[in-house]
Amino acid sequence: MKLKTIILSISFLSLVLFNSTVFAQDSSFSLIQKELTKQQRELLQNEKEVMKLNREAFKASLTKDQVAILRDKTISKYEIRKRLAATFSRNQKNIVKSQQVSLRKTRDNFRKTLTGEQRKMLKERIDKTRNSKDRGELKGGPRVNNANNGRKKRNVGN
């Protein structure tokens, strides 16, 4: 459970600190936006604004040491995230956790508003992205799918 929390924290942190957009291709996002109802668009817009405010609050809470860790170009991004997460204050951890909870609630609310047609359209777009040939090209060569048809292996209790 703790590992899952750390991974989620690091994911949020990377989103916050590296100013990446939620949707990589704006053109695809605007196509999807046209298919959504006004209520759904407002829900997404409100969540986007909340994320921006949380990002600003988190950036403002960074100490000089944490900023120095972020600017260190001699270590890998993974190591930066690991070192940074180790230096989080209780307040910073709360900011990250509240953002995660808010994002989960928004996702659930958004999913509840989707019609069957919208679900189908979104699923097709996701599948198209997953099945594209150039997706996942990494330094070490093309990405290899997981065993078990892409399903993750669950650890069974003690």
N, C-alpha and C. Protein backbone atom coordinates (compact mmCIF):
# COMPACT_ATOMS: atom_id res chain seq x y z
N MET A 1 0.82 -1.19 0.00
CA MET A 1 0.00 0.00 0.00
C MET A 1 0.87 1.26 0.00
N LYS A 2 1.96 1.21 0.80
CA LYS A 2 2.84 2.36 0.87
C LYS A 2 3.52 2.61 -0.47
N LEU A 3 3.90 1.55 -1.17
CA LEU A 3 4.53 1.68 -2.48
C LEU A 3 3.56 2.32 -3.46
N LYS A 4 2.29 1.92 -3.38
CA LYS A 4 1.28 2.49 -4.27
C LYS A 4 1.13 3.98 -4.01
N THR A 5 1.13 4.38 -2.75
CA THR A 5 1.01 5.79 -2.39
C THR A 5 2.22 6.56 -2.90
N ILE A 6 3.40 5.99 -2.77
CA ILE A 6 4.61 6.66 -3.25
C ILE A 6 4.57 6.83 -4.76
N ILE A 7 4.14 5.79 -5.46
CA ILE A 7 4.06 5.87 -6.92
C ILE A 7 3.06 6.94 -7.34
N LEU A 8 1.89 6.97 -6.69
CA LEU A 8 0.90 7.99 -7.01
C LEU A 8 1.42 9.39 -6.70
N SER A 9 2.14 9.51 -5.59
CA SER A 9 2.72 10.80 -5.22
C SER A 9 3.73 11.27 -6.26
N ILE A 10 4.56 10.34 -6.69
CA ILE A 10 5.57 10.68 -7.69
C ILE A 10 4.91 11.05 -9.01
N SER A 11 3.85 10.35 -9.36
CA SER A 11 3.13 10.67 -10.60
C SER A 11 2.57 12.08 -10.54
N PHE A 12 1.95 12.40 -9.42
CA PHE A 12 1.38 13.74 -9.27
C PHE A 12 2.49 14.78 -9.28
N LEU A 13 3.57 14.47 -8.59
CA LEU A 13 4.68 15.39 -8.52
C LEU A 13 5.25 15.68 -9.90
N SER A 14 5.42 14.63 -10.68
CA SER A 14 5.96 14.85 -12.03
C SER A 14 5.01 15.68 -12.86
N LEU A 15 3.71 15.47 -12.69
CA LEU A 15 2.72 16.28 -13.41
C LEU A 15 2.82 17.73 -12.98
N VAL A 16 2.93 17.94 -11.68
CA VAL A 16 2.98 19.29 -11.14
C VAL A 16 4.27 20.00 -11.53
N LEU A 17 5.38 19.34 -11.32
CA LEU A 17 6.66 20.02 -11.45
C LEU A 17 7.13 20.21 -12.88
N PHE A 18 6.75 19.34 -13.73
CA PHE A 18 7.25 19.44 -15.09
C PHE A 18 6.23 20.07 -16.04
N ASN A 19 5.18 20.63 -15.46
CA ASN A 19 4.16 21.38 -16.21
C ASN A 19 3.67 20.65 -17.45
N SER A 20 3.55 19.36 -17.34
CA SER A 20 3.04 18.63 -18.49
C SER A 20 1.54 18.78 -18.53
N THR A 21 1.01 18.77 -19.71
CA THR A 21 -0.43 18.88 -19.83
C THR A 21 -1.06 17.52 -19.62
N VAL A 22 -2.30 17.52 -19.25
CA VAL A 22 -3.00 16.26 -18.99
C VAL A 22 -3.20 15.50 -20.30
N PHE A 23 -3.44 16.23 -21.35
CA PHE A 23 -3.67 15.59 -22.64
C PHE A 23 -2.57 16.02 -23.59
N ALA A 24 -1.82 15.06 -24.09
CA ALA A 24 -0.63 15.36 -24.87
C ALA A 24 -0.96 15.99 -26.22
N GLN A 25 -2.00 15.53 -26.86
CA GLN A 25 -2.32 16.06 -28.18
C GLN A 25 -3.58 16.89 -28.09
N ASP A 26 -3.40 18.19 -28.22
CA ASP A 26 -4.52 19.10 -28.05
C ASP A 26 -5.59 18.86 -29.10
N SER A 27 -5.19 18.50 -30.32
CA SER A 27 -6.18 18.29 -31.37
C SER A 27 -7.09 17.12 -31.04
N SER A 28 -6.56 16.04 -30.51
CA SER A 28 -7.38 14.90 -30.12
C SER A 28 -8.30 15.28 -28.98
N PHE A 29 -7.77 16.09 -28.06
CA PHE A 29 -8.59 16.52 -26.93
C PHE A 29 -9.75 17.38 -27.39
N SER A 30 -9.51 18.29 -28.34
CA SER A 30 -10.61 19.14 -28.80
C SER A 30 -11.65 18.32 -29.56
N LEU A 31 -11.24 17.24 -30.25
CA LEU A 31 -12.22 16.36 -30.89
C LEU A 31 -13.08 15.68 -29.85
N ILE A 32 -12.47 15.24 -28.76
CA ILE A 32 -13.21 14.60 -27.69
C ILE A 32 -14.13 15.62 -27.03
N GLN A 33 -13.65 16.84 -26.84
CA GLN A 33 -14.45 17.88 -26.19
C GLN A 33 -15.76 18.11 -26.94
N LYS A 34 -15.73 18.02 -28.26
CA LYS A 34 -16.94 18.25 -29.05
C LYS A 34 -18.01 17.20 -28.77
N GLU A 35 -17.59 16.03 -28.36
CA GLU A 35 -18.51 14.93 -28.10
C GLU A 35 -19.11 14.98 -26.68
N LEU A 36 -18.59 15.85 -25.82
CA LEU A 36 -19.03 15.91 -24.44
C LEU A 36 -20.16 16.91 -24.25
N THR A 37 -20.95 16.68 -23.21
CA THR A 37 -22.03 17.62 -22.90
C THR A 37 -21.43 18.83 -22.18
N LYS A 38 -22.23 19.87 -22.04
CA LYS A 38 -21.78 21.09 -21.38
C LYS A 38 -21.39 20.79 -19.93
N GLN A 39 -22.17 19.96 -19.27
CA GLN A 39 -21.90 19.59 -17.88
C GLN A 39 -20.56 18.87 -17.76
N GLN A 40 -20.28 17.97 -18.70
CA GLN A 40 -19.03 17.22 -18.67
C GLN A 40 -17.84 18.14 -18.92
N ARG A 41 -17.99 19.06 -19.87
CA ARG A 41 -16.91 20.02 -20.14
C ARG A 41 -16.64 20.89 -18.92
N GLU A 42 -17.71 21.33 -18.25
CA GLU A 42 -17.54 22.16 -17.05
C GLU A 42 -16.84 21.38 -15.95
N LEU A 43 -17.20 20.12 -15.79
CA LEU A 43 -16.57 19.27 -14.79
C LEU A 43 -15.06 19.17 -15.04
N LEU A 44 -14.69 18.93 -16.29
CA LEU A 44 -13.27 18.83 -16.64
C LEU A 44 -12.56 20.16 -16.46
N GLN A 45 -13.21 21.24 -16.84
CA GLN A 45 -12.61 22.58 -16.71
C GLN A 45 -12.40 22.92 -15.24
N ASN A 46 -13.39 22.62 -14.40
CA ASN A 46 -13.24 22.89 -12.97
C ASN A 46 -12.09 22.10 -12.38
N GLU A 47 -11.97 20.85 -12.76
CA GLU A 47 -10.88 20.02 -12.24
C GLU A 47 -9.54 20.55 -12.72
N LYS A 48 -9.48 21.03 -13.95
CA LYS A 48 -8.24 21.59 -14.47
C LYS A 48 -7.81 22.81 -13.66
N GLU A 49 -8.78 23.66 -13.29
CA GLU A 49 -8.48 24.85 -12.49
C GLU A 49 -8.02 24.46 -11.09
N VAL A 50 -8.67 23.46 -10.50
CA VAL A 50 -8.26 22.99 -9.17
C VAL A 50 -6.85 22.44 -9.23
N MET A 51 -6.52 21.70 -10.28
CA MET A 51 -5.17 21.16 -10.43
C MET A 51 -4.15 22.28 -10.54
N LYS A 52 -4.48 23.35 -11.26
CA LYS A 52 -3.56 24.47 -11.39
C LYS A 52 -3.31 25.12 -10.03
N LEU A 53 -4.39 25.31 -9.25
CA LEU A 53 -4.24 25.91 -7.93
C LEU A 53 -3.39 25.02 -7.02
N ASN A 54 -3.63 23.72 -7.07
CA ASN A 54 -2.83 22.79 -6.26
C ASN A 54 -1.37 22.80 -6.70
N ARG A 55 -1.15 22.89 -7.99
CA ARG A 55 0.22 22.94 -8.52
C ARG A 55 0.94 24.18 -8.00
N GLU A 56 0.23 25.33 -8.04
CA GLU A 56 0.82 26.58 -7.54
C GLU A 56 1.14 26.48 -6.05
N ALA A 57 0.21 25.91 -5.28
CA ALA A 57 0.42 25.76 -3.84
C ALA A 57 1.61 24.85 -3.57
N PHE A 58 1.71 23.78 -4.34
CA PHE A 58 2.81 22.85 -4.14
C PHE A 58 4.14 23.50 -4.49
N LYS A 59 4.19 24.22 -5.60
CA LYS A 59 5.42 24.89 -6.00
C LYS A 59 5.85 25.91 -4.95
N ALA A 60 4.87 26.62 -4.39
CA ALA A 60 5.17 27.62 -3.38
C ALA A 60 5.71 26.98 -2.10
N SER A 61 5.36 25.73 -1.86
CA SER A 61 5.79 25.05 -0.63
C SER A 61 7.18 24.42 -0.74
N LEU A 62 7.77 24.43 -1.92
CA LEU A 62 9.09 23.82 -2.10
C LEU A 62 10.18 24.61 -1.37
N THR A 63 11.05 23.90 -0.71
CA THR A 63 12.17 24.54 -0.02
C THR A 63 13.33 24.72 -1.01
N LYS A 64 14.35 25.45 -0.58
CA LYS A 64 15.52 25.66 -1.43
C LYS A 64 16.22 24.34 -1.73
N ASP A 65 16.28 23.47 -0.73
CA ASP A 65 16.91 22.15 -0.93
C ASP A 65 16.14 21.33 -1.96
N GLN A 66 14.82 21.39 -1.91
CA GLN A 66 14.00 20.63 -2.85
C GLN A 66 14.15 21.18 -4.27
N VAL A 67 14.21 22.49 -4.39
CA VAL A 67 14.43 23.10 -5.71
C VAL A 67 15.80 22.70 -6.25
N ALA A 68 16.79 22.65 -5.37
CA ALA A 68 18.14 22.24 -5.78
C ALA A 68 18.12 20.80 -6.29
N ILE A 69 17.37 19.93 -5.63
CA ILE A 69 17.24 18.54 -6.10
C ILE A 69 16.63 18.52 -7.49
N LEU A 70 15.61 19.32 -7.71
CA LEU A 70 14.94 19.36 -9.01
C LEU A 70 15.85 19.86 -10.12
N ARG A 71 16.72 20.77 -9.80
CA ARG A 71 17.59 21.36 -10.82
C ARG A 71 18.87 20.58 -11.05
N ASP A 72 19.11 19.55 -10.28
CA ASP A 72 20.33 18.74 -10.40
C ASP A 72 20.25 17.91 -11.68
N LYS A 73 21.07 18.24 -12.66
CA LYS A 73 21.05 17.55 -13.95
C LYS A 73 21.96 16.33 -13.99
N THR A 74 22.66 16.06 -12.89
CA THR A 74 23.61 14.95 -12.89
C THR A 74 22.97 13.62 -12.51
N ILE A 75 21.73 13.67 -12.03
CA ILE A 75 21.06 12.43 -11.63
C ILE A 75 19.83 12.19 -12.50
N SER A 76 19.39 10.95 -12.53
CA SER A 76 18.25 10.58 -13.38
C SER A 76 16.95 11.13 -12.80
N LYS A 77 15.92 11.18 -13.64
CA LYS A 77 14.62 11.66 -13.20
C LYS A 77 14.06 10.77 -12.09
N TYR A 78 14.29 9.48 -12.21
CA TYR A 78 13.84 8.55 -11.17
C TYR A 78 14.48 8.89 -9.83
N GLU A 79 15.78 9.14 -9.86
CA GLU A 79 16.50 9.47 -8.63
C GLU A 79 16.03 10.81 -8.09
N ILE A 80 15.76 11.77 -8.96
CA ILE A 80 15.24 13.07 -8.53
C ILE A 80 13.92 12.87 -7.80
N ARG A 81 13.02 12.10 -8.38
CA ARG A 81 11.71 11.86 -7.76
C ARG A 81 11.87 11.17 -6.41
N LYS A 82 12.76 10.20 -6.38
CA LYS A 82 12.99 9.43 -5.15
C LYS A 82 13.52 10.34 -4.04
N ARG A 83 14.52 11.14 -4.36
CA ARG A 83 15.11 12.04 -3.36
C ARG A 83 14.10 13.10 -2.93
N LEU A 84 13.37 13.61 -3.88
CA LEU A 84 12.40 14.66 -3.58
C LEU A 84 11.29 14.13 -2.67
N ALA A 85 10.77 12.95 -2.99
CA ALA A 85 9.70 12.37 -2.17
C ALA A 85 10.17 12.14 -0.75
N ALA A 86 11.45 11.84 -0.57
CA ALA A 86 11.99 11.61 0.77
C ALA A 86 12.04 12.90 1.59
N THR A 87 12.04 14.06 0.92
CA THR A 87 12.15 15.34 1.63
C THR A 87 10.81 16.03 1.83
N PHE A 88 9.71 15.40 1.43
CA PHE A 88 8.40 16.03 1.56
C PHE A 88 8.04 16.29 3.02
N SER A 89 7.50 17.46 3.26
CA SER A 89 6.98 17.76 4.59
C SER A 89 5.57 17.18 4.70
N ARG A 90 5.03 17.20 5.89
CA ARG A 90 3.67 16.68 6.10
C ARG A 90 2.66 17.46 5.25
N ASN A 91 2.85 18.77 5.17
CA ASN A 91 1.96 19.62 4.39
C ASN A 91 2.03 19.26 2.91
N GLN A 92 3.23 19.04 2.39
CA GLN A 92 3.39 18.66 0.99
C GLN A 92 2.76 17.31 0.71
N LYS A 93 2.92 16.38 1.62
CA LYS A 93 2.29 15.07 1.46
C LYS A 93 0.77 15.21 1.45
N ASN A 94 0.25 16.09 2.29
CA ASN A 94 -1.20 16.32 2.32
C ASN A 94 -1.70 16.94 1.01
N ILE A 95 -0.92 17.86 0.45
CA ILE A 95 -1.29 18.46 -0.83
C ILE A 95 -1.37 17.39 -1.91
N VAL A 96 -0.35 16.53 -1.96
CA VAL A 96 -0.31 15.46 -2.96
C VAL A 96 -1.49 14.51 -2.76
N LYS A 97 -1.73 14.13 -1.51
CA LYS A 97 -2.81 13.19 -1.22
C LYS A 97 -4.17 13.79 -1.55
N SER A 98 -4.39 15.05 -1.21
CA SER A 98 -5.68 15.67 -1.50
C SER A 98 -5.91 15.78 -3.00
N GLN A 99 -4.84 16.02 -3.75
CA GLN A 99 -4.96 16.07 -5.21
C GLN A 99 -5.34 14.71 -5.77
N GLN A 100 -4.75 13.66 -5.23
CA GLN A 100 -5.07 12.31 -5.68
C GLN A 100 -6.53 11.98 -5.41
N VAL A 101 -7.00 12.32 -4.22
CA VAL A 101 -8.40 12.05 -3.85
C VAL A 101 -9.34 12.84 -4.75
N SER A 102 -9.02 14.10 -4.96
CA SER A 102 -9.85 14.95 -5.82
C SER A 102 -9.91 14.40 -7.24
N LEU A 103 -8.78 13.96 -7.75
CA LEU A 103 -8.73 13.42 -9.11
C LEU A 103 -9.56 12.14 -9.22
N ARG A 104 -9.48 11.28 -8.21
CA ARG A 104 -10.29 10.05 -8.23
C ARG A 104 -11.78 10.37 -8.22
N LYS A 105 -12.18 11.33 -7.38
CA LYS A 105 -13.60 11.70 -7.31
C LYS A 105 -14.07 12.26 -8.65
N THR A 106 -13.26 13.10 -9.26
CA THR A 106 -13.63 13.69 -10.54
C THR A 106 -13.75 12.61 -11.61
N ARG A 107 -12.81 11.67 -11.63
CA ARG A 107 -12.89 10.58 -12.59
C ARG A 107 -14.17 9.79 -12.41
N ASP A 108 -14.49 9.47 -11.16
CA ASP A 108 -15.71 8.70 -10.89
C ASP A 108 -16.95 9.48 -11.32
N ASN A 109 -16.99 10.77 -10.98
CA ASN A 109 -18.14 11.59 -11.38
C ASN A 109 -18.25 11.69 -12.90
N PHE A 110 -17.11 11.83 -13.55
CA PHE A 110 -17.11 11.93 -15.01
C PHE A 110 -17.60 10.62 -15.64
N ARG A 111 -17.12 9.51 -15.11
CA ARG A 111 -17.53 8.21 -15.64
C ARG A 111 -19.03 8.00 -15.49
N LYS A 112 -19.58 8.49 -14.39
CA LYS A 112 -21.03 8.34 -14.16
C LYS A 112 -21.86 9.13 -15.17
N THR A 113 -21.29 10.21 -15.71
CA THR A 113 -22.04 11.05 -16.66
C THR A 113 -21.94 10.57 -18.10
N LEU A 114 -21.04 9.63 -18.39
CA LEU A 114 -20.84 9.18 -19.77
C LEU A 114 -22.02 8.34 -20.27
N THR A 115 -22.40 8.59 -21.50
CA THR A 115 -23.41 7.76 -22.15
C THR A 115 -22.72 6.56 -22.78
N GLY A 116 -23.50 5.62 -23.24
CA GLY A 116 -22.94 4.44 -23.90
C GLY A 116 -22.13 4.80 -25.13
N GLU A 117 -22.63 5.74 -25.92
CA GLU A 117 -21.92 6.17 -27.14
C GLU A 117 -20.59 6.84 -26.79
N GLN A 118 -20.59 7.67 -25.74
CA GLN A 118 -19.36 8.34 -25.34
C GLN A 118 -18.34 7.33 -24.84
N ARG A 119 -18.79 6.36 -24.09
CA ARG A 119 -17.87 5.32 -23.60
C ARG A 119 -17.24 4.58 -24.77
N LYS A 120 -18.07 4.24 -25.76
CA LYS A 120 -17.58 3.52 -26.92
C LYS A 120 -16.55 4.36 -27.68
N MET A 121 -16.86 5.65 -27.87
CA MET A 121 -15.95 6.55 -28.59
C MET A 121 -14.62 6.69 -27.86
N LEU A 122 -14.67 6.87 -26.55
CA LEU A 122 -13.45 7.01 -25.78
C LEU A 122 -12.64 5.72 -25.78
N LYS A 123 -13.32 4.59 -25.68
CA LYS A 123 -12.64 3.29 -25.70
C LYS A 123 -11.93 3.09 -27.04
N GLU A 124 -12.59 3.45 -28.13
CA GLU A 124 -11.98 3.31 -29.46
C GLU A 124 -10.72 4.17 -29.57
N ARG A 125 -10.80 5.39 -29.06
CA ARG A 125 -9.63 6.29 -29.13
C ARG A 125 -8.48 5.76 -28.28
N ILE A 126 -8.81 5.24 -27.12
CA ILE A 126 -7.77 4.68 -26.25
C ILE A 126 -7.13 3.46 -26.90
N ASP A 127 -7.97 2.58 -27.46
CA ASP A 127 -7.45 1.39 -28.13
C ASP A 127 -6.58 1.76 -29.33
N LYS A 128 -7.00 2.78 -30.06
CA LYS A 128 -6.22 3.23 -31.22
C LYS A 128 -4.84 3.71 -30.78
N THR A 129 -4.79 4.45 -29.67
CA THR A 129 -3.51 4.93 -29.14
C THR A 129 -2.66 3.76 -28.68
N ARG A 130 -3.26 2.81 -27.99
CA ARG A 130 -2.51 1.67 -27.47
C ARG A 130 -1.96 0.80 -28.59
N ASN A 131 -2.67 0.70 -29.70
CA ASN A 131 -2.27 -0.19 -30.78
C ASN A 131 -1.42 0.47 -31.85
N SER A 132 -1.12 1.76 -31.71
CA SER A 132 -0.32 2.42 -32.74
C SER A 132 1.09 1.85 -32.74
N LYS A 133 1.69 1.78 -33.92
CA LYS A 133 2.99 1.13 -34.08
C LYS A 133 4.12 1.89 -33.40
N ASP A 134 4.09 3.22 -33.42
CA ASP A 134 5.21 3.98 -32.88
C ASP A 134 5.05 4.30 -31.40
N ARG A 135 4.02 3.82 -30.78
CA ARG A 135 3.82 4.06 -29.35
C ARG A 135 4.85 3.27 -28.55
N GLY A 136 5.45 3.92 -27.59
CA GLY A 136 6.34 3.23 -26.68
C GLY A 136 7.74 3.01 -27.18
N GLU A 137 8.16 3.70 -28.24
CA GLU A 137 9.54 3.56 -28.68
C GLU A 137 10.45 4.17 -27.62
N LEU A 138 11.32 3.38 -27.08
CA LEU A 138 12.22 3.82 -26.03
C LEU A 138 13.65 3.69 -26.49
N LYS A 139 14.58 4.15 -25.67
CA LYS A 139 15.99 4.08 -26.01
C LYS A 139 16.44 2.65 -26.24
N GLY A 140 15.92 1.73 -25.46
CA GLY A 140 16.33 0.34 -25.56
C GLY A 140 15.58 -0.43 -26.64
N GLY A 141 14.82 0.23 -27.46
CA GLY A 141 14.05 -0.44 -28.51
C GLY A 141 12.56 -0.38 -28.20
N PRO A 142 11.75 -1.05 -29.01
CA PRO A 142 10.32 -0.98 -28.82
C PRO A 142 9.89 -1.61 -27.50
N ARG A 143 8.79 -1.11 -26.99
CA ARG A 143 8.26 -1.61 -25.73
C ARG A 143 7.74 -3.02 -25.91
N VAL A 144 7.98 -3.85 -24.93
CA VAL A 144 7.52 -5.23 -24.95
C VAL A 144 6.32 -5.33 -24.01
N ASN A 145 5.23 -5.91 -24.50
CA ASN A 145 4.04 -6.05 -23.67
C ASN A 145 4.29 -7.02 -22.53
N ASN A 146 3.55 -6.82 -21.46
CA ASN A 146 3.66 -7.72 -20.31
C ASN A 146 3.19 -9.11 -20.67
N ALA A 147 3.62 -10.08 -19.90
CA ALA A 147 3.10 -11.43 -20.06
C ALA A 147 1.65 -11.44 -19.60
N ASN A 148 0.96 -12.49 -19.79
CA ASN A 148 -0.44 -12.63 -19.38
C ASN A 148 -1.36 -11.63 -20.08
N ASN A 149 -1.13 -11.42 -21.36
CA ASN A 149 -1.96 -10.52 -22.17
C ASN A 149 -2.02 -9.11 -21.61
N GLY A 150 -0.92 -8.63 -21.09
CA GLY A 150 -0.84 -7.26 -20.60
C GLY A 150 -1.38 -7.06 -19.19
N ARG A 151 -1.86 -8.12 -18.56
CA ARG A 151 -2.37 -7.99 -17.20
C ARG A 151 -1.21 -8.05 -16.22
N LYS A 152 -1.34 -7.27 -15.17
CA LYS A 152 -0.32 -7.27 -14.15
C LYS A 152 -0.54 -8.46 -13.23
N LYS A 153 0.55 -8.98 -12.73
CA LYS A 153 0.48 -10.11 -11.83
C LYS A 153 0.23 -9.60 -10.41
N ARG A 154 -0.79 -10.12 -9.79
CA ARG A 154 -1.12 -9.70 -8.43
C ARG A 154 -0.34 -10.53 -7.43
N ASN A 155 0.14 -9.85 -6.40
CA ASN A 155 0.79 -10.55 -5.31
C ASN A 155 -0.27 -11.08 -4.37
N VAL A 156 -0.19 -12.35 -4.09
CA VAL A 156 -1.13 -12.97 -3.16
C VAL A 156 -0.57 -12.80 -1.77
N GLY A 157 -1.44 -12.55 -0.79
CA GLY A 157 -1.03 -12.28 0.59
C GLY A 157 -0.02 -13.27 1.12
N ASN A 158 0.43 -13.02 2.33
CA ASN A 158 1.46 -13.85 2.96
C ASN A 158 1.06 -15.25 2.96
